[in-house]
Amino acid sequence: MEKCAICKSKIEDTFLGKIHGTIIKGKYVCSACQKKFGSDLAKQL
């Protein structure tokens, strides 16, 4: 289980092995933070 680089919550895996989030600049980001920060997400890292 990976943790979000912004909010430190655990990122869940789907049954196919995919994550509910994304990887930006080598760091994991959860889908909630993606929705919250939108296009400013890269600046938060």
PDB file of N, CA and C in Angstrom:
ATOM      1  N   MET A   1       0.826  -1.189   0.000  1.00  0.00           N
ATOM      2  CA  MET A   1       0.000   0.000   0.000  1.00  0.00           C
ATOM      3  C   MET A   1       0.871   1.254   0.000  1.00  0.00           C
ATOM      4  N   GLU A   2       0.616   2.097  -0.947  1.00  0.00           N
ATOM      5  CA  GLU A   2       1.317   3.365  -1.017  1.00  0.00           C
ATOM      6  C   GLU A   2       0.541   4.417  -0.241  1.00  0.00           C
ATOM      7  N   LYS A   3       1.215   5.505   0.104  1.00  0.00           N
ATOM      8  CA  LYS A   3       0.562   6.612   0.794  1.00  0.00           C
ATOM      9  C   LYS A   3       0.644   7.852  -0.080  1.00  0.00           C
ATOM     10  N   CYS A   4      -0.370   8.688   0.038  1.00  0.00           N
ATOM     11  CA  CYS A   4      -0.433   9.933  -0.714  1.00  0.00           C
ATOM     12  C   CYS A   4       0.677  10.871  -0.240  1.00  0.00           C
ATOM     13  N   ALA A   5       1.339  11.538  -1.175  1.00  0.00           N
ATOM     14  CA  ALA A   5       2.429  12.455  -0.842  1.00  0.00           C
ATOM     15  C   ALA A   5       1.911  13.739  -0.207  1.00  0.00           C
ATOM     16  N   ILE A   6       0.626  14.060  -0.382  1.00  0.00           N
ATOM     17  CA  ILE A   6       0.078  15.309   0.150  1.00  0.00           C
ATOM     18  C   ILE A   6      -0.628  15.091   1.481  1.00  0.00           C
ATOM     19  N   CYS A   7      -1.620  14.189   1.515  1.00  0.00           N
ATOM     20  CA  CYS A   7      -2.430  14.031   2.730  1.00  0.00           C
ATOM     21  C   CYS A   7      -2.026  12.829   3.578  1.00  0.00           C
ATOM     22  N   LYS A   8      -1.101  12.011   3.102  1.00  0.00           N
ATOM     23  CA  LYS A   8      -0.551  10.858   3.828  1.00  0.00           C
ATOM     24  C   LYS A   8      -1.561   9.732   4.079  1.00  0.00           C
ATOM     25  N   SER A   9      -2.708   9.753   3.383  1.00  0.00           N
ATOM     26  CA  SER A   9      -3.659   8.651   3.523  1.00  0.00           C
ATOM     27  C   SER A   9      -3.250   7.509   2.597  1.00  0.00           C
ATOM     28  N   LYS A  10      -3.713   6.308   2.900  1.00  0.00           N
ATOM     29  CA  LYS A  10      -3.366   5.142   2.092  1.00  0.00           C
ATOM     30  C   LYS A  10      -4.132   5.173   0.780  1.00  0.00           C
ATOM     31  N   ILE A  11      -3.463   4.788  -0.290  1.00  0.00           N
ATOM     32  CA  ILE A  11      -4.084   4.712  -1.606  1.00  0.00           C
ATOM     33  C   ILE A  11      -4.505   3.268  -1.830  1.00  0.00           C
ATOM     34  N   GLU A  12      -5.785   3.062  -2.085  1.00  0.00           N
ATOM     35  CA  GLU A  12      -6.339   1.723  -2.249  1.00  0.00           C
ATOM     36  C   GLU A  12      -5.998   1.149  -3.621  1.00  0.00           C
ATOM     37  N   ASP A  13      -5.864  -0.166  -3.676  1.00  0.00           N
ATOM     38  CA  ASP A  13      -5.639  -0.889  -4.927  1.00  0.00           C
ATOM     39  C   ASP A  13      -6.953  -1.499  -5.395  1.00  0.00           C
ATOM     40  N   THR A  14      -7.152  -1.554  -6.718  1.00  0.00           N
ATOM     41  CA  THR A  14      -8.306  -2.244  -7.261  1.00  0.00           C
ATOM     42  C   THR A  14      -7.973  -3.724  -7.389  1.00  0.00           C
ATOM     43  N   PHE A  15      -8.943  -4.516  -7.762  1.00  0.00           N
ATOM     44  CA  PHE A  15      -8.711  -5.955  -7.893  1.00  0.00           C
ATOM     45  C   PHE A  15      -7.809  -6.280  -9.077  1.00  0.00           C
ATOM     46  N   LEU A  16      -7.619  -5.342  -9.985  1.00  0.00           N
ATOM     47  CA  LEU A  16      -6.735  -5.561 -11.131  1.00  0.00           C
ATOM     48  C   LEU A  16      -5.313  -5.073 -10.863  1.00  0.00           C
ATOM     49  N   GLY A  17      -5.060  -4.571  -9.662  1.00  0.00           N
ATOM     50  CA  GLY A  17      -3.725  -4.110  -9.314  1.00  0.00           C
ATOM     51  C   GLY A  17      -3.467  -2.645  -9.602  1.00  0.00           C
ATOM     52  N   LYS A  18      -4.501  -1.929 -10.049  1.00  0.00           N
ATOM     53  CA  LYS A  18      -4.351  -0.497 -10.306  1.00  0.00           C
ATOM     54  C   LYS A  18      -4.616   0.271  -9.009  1.00  0.00           C
ATOM     55  N   ILE A  19      -4.185   1.522  -8.962  1.00  0.00           N
ATOM     56  CA  ILE A  19      -4.403   2.328  -7.768  1.00  0.00           C
ATOM     57  C   ILE A  19      -5.487   3.370  -8.015  1.00  0.00           C
ATOM     58  N   HIS A  20      -6.151   3.822  -6.934  1.00  0.00           N
ATOM     59  CA  HIS A  20      -7.123   4.907  -7.009  1.00  0.00           C
ATOM     60  C   HIS A  20      -6.368   6.215  -6.831  1.00  0.00           C
ATOM     61  N   GLY A  21      -5.691   6.653  -7.859  1.00  0.00           N
ATOM     62  CA  GLY A  21      -4.875   7.856  -7.812  1.00  0.00           C
ATOM     63  C   GLY A  21      -3.956   7.895  -9.010  1.00  0.00           C
ATOM     64  N   THR A  22      -2.865   8.615  -8.863  1.00  0.00           N
ATOM     65  CA  THR A  22      -1.907   8.738  -9.957  1.00  0.00           C
ATOM     66  C   THR A  22      -0.504   8.906  -9.393  1.00  0.00           C
ATOM     67  N   ILE A  23       0.473   8.862 -10.280  1.00  0.00           N
ATOM     68  CA  ILE A  23       1.864   9.067  -9.889  1.00  0.00           C
ATOM     69  C   ILE A  23       2.366  10.302 -10.632  1.00  0.00           C
ATOM     70  N   ILE A  24       2.786  11.315  -9.882  1.00  0.00           N
ATOM     71  CA  ILE A  24       3.301  12.549 -10.464  1.00  0.00           C
ATOM     72  C   ILE A  24       4.689  12.792  -9.900  1.00  0.00           C
ATOM     73  N   LYS A  25       5.653  12.975 -10.792  1.00  0.00           N
ATOM     74  CA  LYS A  25       7.053  13.198 -10.397  1.00  0.00           C
ATOM     75  C   LYS A  25       7.559  12.104  -9.467  1.00  0.00           C
ATOM     76  N   GLY A  26       7.095  10.873  -9.680  1.00  0.00           N
ATOM     77  CA  GLY A  26       7.557   9.743  -8.876  1.00  0.00           C
ATOM     78  C   GLY A  26       6.894   9.623  -7.520  1.00  0.00           C
ATOM     79  N   LYS A  27       5.885  10.451  -7.241  1.00  0.00           N
ATOM     80  CA  LYS A  27       5.191  10.406  -5.955  1.00  0.00           C
ATOM     81  C   LYS A  27       3.732  10.042  -6.186  1.00  0.00           C
ATOM     82  N   TYR A  28       3.173   9.273  -5.261  1.00  0.00           N
ATOM     83  CA  TYR A  28       1.785   8.849  -5.368  1.00  0.00           C
ATOM     84  C   TYR A  28       0.857   9.941  -4.844  1.00  0.00           C
ATOM     85  N   VAL A  29      -0.269  10.149  -5.551  1.00  0.00           N
ATOM     86  CA  VAL A  29      -1.262  11.139  -5.157  1.00  0.00           C
ATOM     87  C   VAL A  29      -2.631  10.477  -5.225  1.00  0.00           C
ATOM     88  N   CYS A  30      -3.428  10.588  -4.152  1.00  0.00           N
ATOM     89  CA  CYS A  30      -4.747   9.946  -4.114  1.00  0.00           C
ATOM     90  C   CYS A  30      -5.751  10.721  -4.966  1.00  0.00           C
ATOM     91  N   SER A  31      -6.855  10.089  -5.284  1.00  0.00           N
ATOM     92  CA  SER A  31      -7.855  10.708  -6.146  1.00  0.00           C
ATOM     93  C   SER A  31      -8.537  11.888  -5.463  1.00  0.00           C
ATOM     94  N   ALA A  32      -8.648  11.877  -4.127  1.00  0.00           N
ATOM     95  CA  ALA A  32      -9.257  13.001  -3.409  1.00  0.00           C
ATOM     96  C   ALA A  32      -8.406  14.261  -3.554  1.00  0.00           C
ATOM     97  N   CYS A  33      -7.102  14.122  -3.453  1.00  0.00           N
ATOM     98  CA  CYS A  33      -6.205  15.274  -3.625  1.00  0.00           C
ATOM     99  C   CYS A  33      -6.193  15.740  -5.077  1.00  0.00           C
ATOM    100  N   GLN A  34      -6.349  14.816  -6.015  1.00  0.00           N
ATOM    101  CA  GLN A  34      -6.426  15.194  -7.427  1.00  0.00           C
ATOM    102  C   GLN A  34      -7.629  16.096  -7.657  1.00  0.00           C
ATOM    103  N   LYS A  35      -8.777  15.737  -7.083  1.00  0.00           N
ATOM    104  CA  LYS A  35      -9.990  16.529  -7.245  1.00  0.00           C
ATOM    105  C   LYS A  35      -9.867  17.871  -6.526  1.00  0.00           C
ATOM    106  N   LYS A  36      -9.241  17.865  -5.353  1.00  0.00           N
ATOM    107  CA  LYS A  36      -9.131  19.074  -4.540  1.00  0.00           C
ATOM    108  C   LYS A  36      -8.214  20.114  -5.183  1.00  0.00           C
ATOM    109  N   PHE A  37      -7.053  19.688  -5.690  1.00  0.00           N
ATOM    110  CA  PHE A  37      -6.062  20.632  -6.193  1.00  0.00           C
ATOM    111  C   PHE A  37      -6.087  20.814  -7.707  1.00  0.00           C
ATOM    112  N   GLY A  38      -6.635  19.864  -8.433  1.00  0.00           N
ATOM    113  CA  GLY A  38      -6.775  19.981  -9.880  1.00  0.00           C
ATOM    114  C   GLY A  38      -5.464  20.227 -10.598  1.00  0.00           C
ATOM    115  N   SER A  39      -5.401  21.304 -11.389  1.00  0.00           N
ATOM    116  CA  SER A  39      -4.204  21.574 -12.187  1.00  0.00           C
ATOM    117  C   SER A  39      -3.042  22.096 -11.347  1.00  0.00           C
ATOM    118  N   ASP A  40      -3.283  22.528 -10.112  1.00  0.00           N
ATOM    119  CA  ASP A  40      -2.216  23.015  -9.232  1.00  0.00           C
ATOM    120  C   ASP A  40      -1.533  21.882  -8.482  1.00  0.00           C
ATOM    121  N   LEU A  41      -1.826  20.655  -8.831  1.00  0.00           N
ATOM    122  CA  LEU A  41      -1.309  19.495  -8.105  1.00  0.00           C
ATOM    123  C   LEU A  41       0.211  19.397  -8.169  1.00  0.00           C
ATOM    124  N   ALA A  42       0.803  19.677  -9.303  1.00  0.00           N
ATOM    125  CA  ALA A  42       2.264  19.585  -9.438  1.00  0.00           C
ATOM    126  C   ALA A  42       2.967  20.608  -8.552  1.00  0.00           C
ATOM    127  N   LYS A  43       2.328  21.747  -8.307  1.00  0.00           N
ATOM    128  CA  LYS A  43       2.916  22.769  -7.434  1.00  0.00           C
ATOM    129  C   LYS A  43       2.910  22.327  -5.977  1.00  0.00           C
ATOM    130  N   GLN A  44       1.950  21.479  -5.589  1.00  0.00           N
ATOM    131  CA  GLN A  44       1.843  21.012  -4.211  1.00  0.00           C
ATOM    132  C   GLN A  44       2.960  20.043  -3.853  1.00  0.00           C
ATOM    133  N   LEU A  45       3.519  19.378  -4.853  1.00  0.00           N
ATOM    134  CA  LEU A  45       4.583  18.408  -4.592  1.00  0.00           C
ATOM    135  C   LEU A  45       5.855  19.127  -4.538  1.00  0.00           C
TER     136      LEU A  45
END
